[in-house]
Amino acid sequence: LKKNKNVYALLDASLSINTSGEFISIVGHTGSGKSTLIQLLNTLLIPTYGDVEIDGRVINSKKNKDLKNIKRRIGLVFQFAEYQLFEETVIKDIEFGPKNFKVEGYEEEAKKACELVGLSPDFFEKSPFRLSGGEMRKVAIAGILASNPDVLILDEPTVGLDPFTRRELLKLLKEINEQGKTVIIVTHDMDVVSEMAKRVIVIDGNQIS
């Protein structure tokens, strides 16, 4: 992926990820290309050269139309969850994704996602912007899970969390993975890598190793 005239965010990158059951940590120095990689997987970014292939569907600079289904299948939670929230209530925020993707019974799917991440009905009518950082992250994750993705990607999910909330989040991600979904986390936390990851992808000098 070309970042500007002379610099590539990722160069000669090649890897395969199973969309069922993997737990992957992506590590690397700041600016190495980690965020670029996960945005390519979610098709928020389109490669300027080369291909991204998802279950036989090839995405490149010439073939990048009708990506809605891929965005639903490859869910992405940003590092700062508050940037991902925008509705006036928690339940409306969580319902937005599946409603937009035309998921049948999206209201029920949103409630199931809330139960999975540990958000009780008491949260439904609250403003997402009046929650703690850990609660905001749960809302963001629930908003992705409500669309039933195959892959859940999280950028630095434990940053800024207190030890209790961090443990609860990692327990949740382990449970999601055990249900058969692939979980991918970008992290600088080597304790998380050693505790959680079944596979580690290292990006160094804008290349995957």
Foldseek 3Di string as FASTA:
>chain_A
DCPDDPDDLADPADDDDDLWQAEEEEEEDPSLNPVVVLCCQLVVDAAADDWDADPRDTTHPVPRPDCLVSNLQADEQEQQLVVQADDQALLCRLLVSCVVSVPPPLSVLLVVLCVLLVNDPVRGGHGLVPDDRLVSSSSSRSSSCSSPHSEYEYEANCPPPDPVSSVSVLVSVVVVSVVIGYYYYYHPDVVCCVVPHPYYWYRYNSYID
